[in-house]
Amino acid sequence: MKRYSIKSRIWIEAGDNVLLGEGRVVLLKAIDEQGSLSQAAKSINMSYKKLGH
């Protein structure tokens, strides 16, 4: 018998701007673990400069 699973992704948008999505949730968790935005960005291989956009 095959096992099926249901998966989805949810994000919040305002106009053309994504306010909260999977990437930002990962970043917020990393900030909590690392204690700083710059260290969190490094830990998930995200450009710190990209965060400003």
PDB file of N, CA and C in Angstrom:
ATOM      1  N   MET A   1       0.840  -1.185   0.000  1.00  0.00           N
ATOM      2  CA  MET A   1       0.000   0.000   0.000  1.00  0.00           C
ATOM      3  C   MET A   1       0.885   1.249   0.000  1.00  0.00           C
ATOM      4  N   LYS A   2       0.588   2.180  -0.881  1.00  0.00           N
ATOM      5  CA  LYS A   2       1.339   3.431  -0.959  1.00  0.00           C
ATOM      6  C   LYS A   2       0.921   4.366   0.167  1.00  0.00           C
ATOM      7  N   ARG A   3       1.889   5.097   0.672  1.00  0.00           N
ATOM      8  CA  ARG A   3       1.603   6.121   1.679  1.00  0.00           C
ATOM      9  C   ARG A   3       1.665   7.484   1.015  1.00  0.00           C
ATOM     10  N   TYR A   4       0.695   8.284   1.290  1.00  0.00           N
ATOM     11  CA  TYR A   4       0.627   9.619   0.713  1.00  0.00           C
ATOM     12  C   TYR A   4       0.808  10.646   1.822  1.00  0.00           C
ATOM     13  N   SER A   5       1.352  11.782   1.452  1.00  0.00           N
ATOM     14  CA  SER A   5       1.446  12.879   2.404  1.00  0.00           C
ATOM     15  C   SER A   5       1.040  14.172   1.704  1.00  0.00           C
ATOM     16  N   ILE A   6       0.502  15.058   2.475  1.00  0.00           N
ATOM     17  CA  ILE A   6       0.081  16.357   1.964  1.00  0.00           C
ATOM     18  C   ILE A   6       1.057  17.390   2.497  1.00  0.00           C
ATOM     19  N   LYS A   7       1.571  18.214   1.603  1.00  0.00           N
ATOM     20  CA  LYS A   7       2.500  19.272   1.987  1.00  0.00           C
ATOM     21  C   LYS A   7       2.031  20.569   1.356  1.00  0.00           C
ATOM     22  N   SER A   8       2.288  21.652   2.051  1.00  0.00           N
ATOM     23  CA  SER A   8       1.954  22.963   1.499  1.00  0.00           C
ATOM     24  C   SER A   8       2.930  23.999   2.030  1.00  0.00           C
ATOM     25  N   ARG A   9       2.966  25.119   1.368  1.00  0.00           N
ATOM     26  CA  ARG A   9       3.774  26.249   1.812  1.00  0.00           C
ATOM     27  C   ARG A   9       2.855  27.452   1.904  1.00  0.00           C
ATOM     28  N   ILE A  10       3.025  28.199   2.944  1.00  0.00           N
ATOM     29  CA  ILE A  10       2.195  29.378   3.171  1.00  0.00           C
ATOM     30  C   ILE A  10       3.106  30.589   3.300  1.00  0.00           C
ATOM     31  N   TRP A  11       2.705  31.695   2.708  1.00  0.00           N
ATOM     32  CA  TRP A  11       3.435  32.930   2.879  1.00  0.00           C
ATOM     33  C   TRP A  11       2.447  34.075   2.945  1.00  0.00           C
ATOM     34  N   ILE A  12       2.901  35.193   3.483  1.00  0.00           N
ATOM     35  CA  ILE A  12       2.053  36.373   3.630  1.00  0.00           C
ATOM     36  C   ILE A  12       2.596  37.460   2.709  1.00  0.00           C
ATOM     37  N   GLU A  13       1.725  38.031   1.897  1.00  0.00           N
ATOM     38  CA  GLU A  13       2.095  39.078   0.961  1.00  0.00           C
ATOM     39  C   GLU A  13       1.294  40.344   1.228  1.00  0.00           C
ATOM     40  N   ALA A  14       1.907  41.469   0.922  1.00  0.00           N
ATOM     41  CA  ALA A  14       1.222  42.762   0.910  1.00  0.00           C
ATOM     42  C   ALA A  14       1.586  43.410  -0.420  1.00  0.00           C
ATOM     43  N   GLY A  15       0.663  43.416  -1.341  1.00  0.00           N
ATOM     44  CA  GLY A  15       0.976  43.892  -2.688  1.00  0.00           C
ATOM     45  C   GLY A  15       1.976  42.948  -3.333  1.00  0.00           C
ATOM     46  N   ASP A  16       3.092  43.484  -3.794  1.00  0.00           N
ATOM     47  CA  ASP A  16       4.141  42.671  -4.409  1.00  0.00           C
ATOM     48  C   ASP A  16       5.206  42.236  -3.410  1.00  0.00           C
ATOM     49  N   ASN A  17       5.053  42.587  -2.145  1.00  0.00           N
ATOM     50  CA  ASN A  17       6.064  42.281  -1.135  1.00  0.00           C
ATOM     51  C   ASN A  17       5.696  41.040  -0.333  1.00  0.00           C
ATOM     52  N   VAL A  18       6.640  40.120  -0.224  1.00  0.00           N
ATOM     53  CA  VAL A  18       6.444  38.954   0.640  1.00  0.00           C
ATOM     54  C   VAL A  18       6.872  39.372   2.042  1.00  0.00           C
ATOM     55  N   LEU A  19       5.941  39.332   2.973  1.00  0.00           N
ATOM     56  CA  LEU A  19       6.234  39.729   4.345  1.00  0.00           C
ATOM     57  C   LEU A  19       6.783  38.580   5.172  1.00  0.00           C
ATOM     58  N   LEU A  20       6.266  37.383   4.922  1.00  0.00           N
ATOM     59  CA  LEU A  20       6.721  36.218   5.681  1.00  0.00           C
ATOM     60  C   LEU A  20       6.571  34.980   4.812  1.00  0.00           C
ATOM     61  N   GLY A  21       7.659  34.258   4.684  1.00  0.00           N
ATOM     62  CA  GLY A  21       7.660  33.017   3.918  1.00  0.00           C
ATOM     63  C   GLY A  21       8.654  32.050   4.536  1.00  0.00           C
ATOM     64  N   GLU A  22       8.862  30.930   3.879  1.00  0.00           N
ATOM     65  CA  GLU A  22       9.726  29.886   4.426  1.00  0.00           C
ATOM     66  C   GLU A  22      11.137  30.395   4.716  1.00  0.00           C
ATOM     67  N   GLY A  23      11.714  31.166   3.799  1.00  0.00           N
ATOM     68  CA  GLY A  23      13.078  31.667   3.988  1.00  0.00           C
ATOM     69  C   GLY A  23      13.203  32.577   5.194  1.00  0.00           C
ATOM     70  N   ARG A  24      12.221  33.410   5.400  1.00  0.00           N
ATOM     71  CA  ARG A  24      12.276  34.330   6.544  1.00  0.00           C
ATOM     72  C   ARG A  24      12.036  33.602   7.866  1.00  0.00           C
ATOM     73  N   VAL A  25      11.244  32.554   7.835  1.00  0.00           N
ATOM     74  CA  VAL A  25      11.043  31.754   9.041  1.00  0.00           C
ATOM     75  C   VAL A  25      12.351  31.060   9.410  1.00  0.00           C
ATOM     76  N   VAL A  26      13.045  30.517   8.411  1.00  0.00           N
ATOM     77  CA  VAL A  26      14.348  29.890   8.647  1.00  0.00           C
ATOM     78  C   VAL A  26      15.315  30.918   9.227  1.00  0.00           C
ATOM     79  N   LEU A  27      15.310  32.127   8.670  1.00  0.00           N
ATOM     80  CA  LEU A  27      16.185  33.195   9.167  1.00  0.00           C
ATOM     81  C   LEU A  27      15.849  33.561  10.608  1.00  0.00           C
ATOM     82  N   LEU A  28      14.577  33.694  10.936  1.00  0.00           N
ATOM     83  CA  LEU A  28      14.183  34.026  12.310  1.00  0.00           C
ATOM     84  C   LEU A  28      14.619  32.950  13.298  1.00  0.00           C
ATOM     85  N   LYS A  29      14.512  31.693  12.913  1.00  0.00           N
ATOM     86  CA  LYS A  29      14.970  30.604  13.775  1.00  0.00           C
ATOM     87  C   LYS A  29      16.477  30.673  13.964  1.00  0.00           C
ATOM     88  N   ALA A  30      17.198  30.981  12.883  1.00  0.00           N
ATOM     89  CA  ALA A  30      18.656  31.089  12.967  1.00  0.00           C
ATOM     90  C   ALA A  30      19.072  32.272  13.850  1.00  0.00           C
ATOM     91  N   ILE A  31      18.346  33.379  13.781  1.00  0.00           N
ATOM     92  CA  ILE A  31      18.638  34.529  14.648  1.00  0.00           C
ATOM     93  C   ILE A  31      18.471  34.128  16.102  1.00  0.00           C
ATOM     94  N   ASP A  32      17.417  33.386  16.400  1.00  0.00           N
ATOM     95  CA  ASP A  32      17.186  32.925  17.765  1.00  0.00           C
ATOM     96  C   ASP A  32      18.337  32.042  18.239  1.00  0.00           C
ATOM     97  N   GLU A  33      18.816  31.164  17.363  1.00  0.00           N
ATOM     98  CA  GLU A  33      19.901  30.250  17.728  1.00  0.00           C
ATOM     99  C   GLU A  33      21.254  30.956  17.801  1.00  0.00           C
ATOM    100  N   GLN A  34      21.524  31.860  16.861  1.00  0.00           N
ATOM    101  CA  GLN A  34      22.845  32.483  16.756  1.00  0.00           C
ATOM    102  C   GLN A  34      22.978  33.755  17.593  1.00  0.00           C
ATOM    103  N   GLY A  35      21.876  34.423  17.850  1.00  0.00           N
ATOM    104  CA  GLY A  35      21.917  35.632  18.669  1.00  0.00           C
ATOM    105  C   GLY A  35      22.162  36.922  17.902  1.00  0.00           C
ATOM    106  N   SER A  36      22.410  36.841  16.597  1.00  0.00           N
ATOM    107  CA  SER A  36      22.588  38.058  15.805  1.00  0.00           C
ATOM    108  C   SER A  36      22.165  37.809  14.366  1.00  0.00           C
ATOM    109  N   LEU A  37      21.762  38.878  13.706  1.00  0.00           N
ATOM    110  CA  LEU A  37      21.320  38.780  12.325  1.00  0.00           C
ATOM    111  C   LEU A  37      22.470  38.379  11.407  1.00  0.00           C
ATOM    112  N   SER A  38      23.635  38.995  11.575  1.00  0.00           N
ATOM    113  CA  SER A  38      24.747  38.687  10.683  1.00  0.00           C
ATOM    114  C   SER A  38      25.214  37.245  10.848  1.00  0.00           C
ATOM    115  N   GLN A  39      25.293  36.747  12.070  1.00  0.00           N
ATOM    116  CA  GLN A  39      25.697  35.351  12.291  1.00  0.00           C
ATOM    117  C   GLN A  39      24.632  34.389  11.773  1.00  0.00           C
ATOM    118  N   ALA A  40      23.372  34.757  11.926  1.00  0.00           N
ATOM    119  CA  ALA A  40      22.286  33.918  11.425  1.00  0.00           C
ATOM    120  C   ALA A  40      22.362  33.803   9.908  1.00  0.00           C
ATOM    121  N   ALA A  41      22.567  34.924   9.237  1.00  0.00           N
ATOM    122  CA  ALA A  41      22.666  34.921   7.775  1.00  0.00           C
ATOM    123  C   ALA A  41      23.821  34.031   7.324  1.00  0.00           C
ATOM    124  N   LYS A  42      24.950  34.135   7.990  1.00  0.00           N
ATOM    125  CA  LYS A  42      26.098  33.284   7.654  1.00  0.00           C
ATOM    126  C   LYS A  42      25.778  31.812   7.864  1.00  0.00           C
ATOM    127  N   SER A  43      25.088  31.501   8.951  1.00  0.00           N
ATOM    128  CA  SER A  43      24.822  30.099   9.295  1.00  0.00           C
ATOM    129  C   SER A  43      23.899  29.402   8.293  1.00  0.00           C
ATOM    130  N   ILE A  44      23.083  30.181   7.576  1.00  0.00           N
ATOM    131  CA  ILE A  44      22.182  29.576   6.582  1.00  0.00           C
ATOM    132  C   ILE A  44      22.609  29.931   5.156  1.00  0.00           C
ATOM    133  N   ASN A  45      23.836  30.422   5.031  1.00  0.00           N
ATOM    134  CA  ASN A  45      24.401  30.782   3.720  1.00  0.00           C
ATOM    135  C   ASN A  45      23.537  31.780   2.960  1.00  0.00           C
ATOM    136  N   MET A  46      23.048  32.786   3.679  1.00  0.00           N
ATOM    137  CA  MET A  46      22.256  33.845   3.068  1.00  0.00           C
ATOM    138  C   MET A  46      23.092  35.125   3.082  1.00  0.00           C
ATOM    139  N   SER A  47      23.076  35.835   1.991  1.00  0.00           N
ATOM    140  CA  SER A  47      23.818  37.086   1.911  1.00  0.00           C
ATOM    141  C   SER A  47      23.204  38.118   2.846  1.00  0.00           C
ATOM    142  N   TYR A  48      24.028  38.724   3.685  1.00  0.00           N
ATOM    143  CA  TYR A  48      23.544  39.759   4.593  1.00  0.00           C
ATOM    144  C   TYR A  48      23.014  40.946   3.785  1.00  0.00           C
ATOM    145  N   LYS A  49      23.652  41.249   2.657  1.00  0.00           N
ATOM    146  CA  LYS A  49      23.209  42.366   1.810  1.00  0.00           C
ATOM    147  C   LYS A  49      21.838  42.097   1.209  1.00  0.00           C
ATOM    148  N   LYS A  50      21.518  40.830   0.937  1.00  0.00           N
ATOM    149  CA  LYS A  50      20.224  40.474   0.359  1.00  0.00           C
ATOM    150  C   LYS A  50      19.077  40.761   1.329  1.00  0.00           C
ATOM    151  N   LEU A  51      19.362  40.773   2.613  1.00  0.00           N
ATOM    152  CA  LEU A  51      18.316  40.955   3.620  1.00  0.00           C
ATOM    153  C   LEU A  51      17.675  42.329   3.567  1.00  0.00           C
ATOM    154  N   GLY A  52      18.357  43.321   3.035  1.00  0.00           N
ATOM    155  CA  GLY A  52      17.812  44.666   2.992  1.00  0.00           C
ATOM    156  C   GLY A  52      16.788  44.886   1.900  1.00  0.00           C
ATOM    157  N   HIS A  53      16.600  43.922   1.017  1.00  0.00           N
ATOM    158  CA  HIS A  53      15.698  44.100  -0.137  1.00  0.00           C
ATOM    159  C   HIS A  53      14.356  43.476   0.087  1.00  0.00           C
TER     160      HIS A  53
END
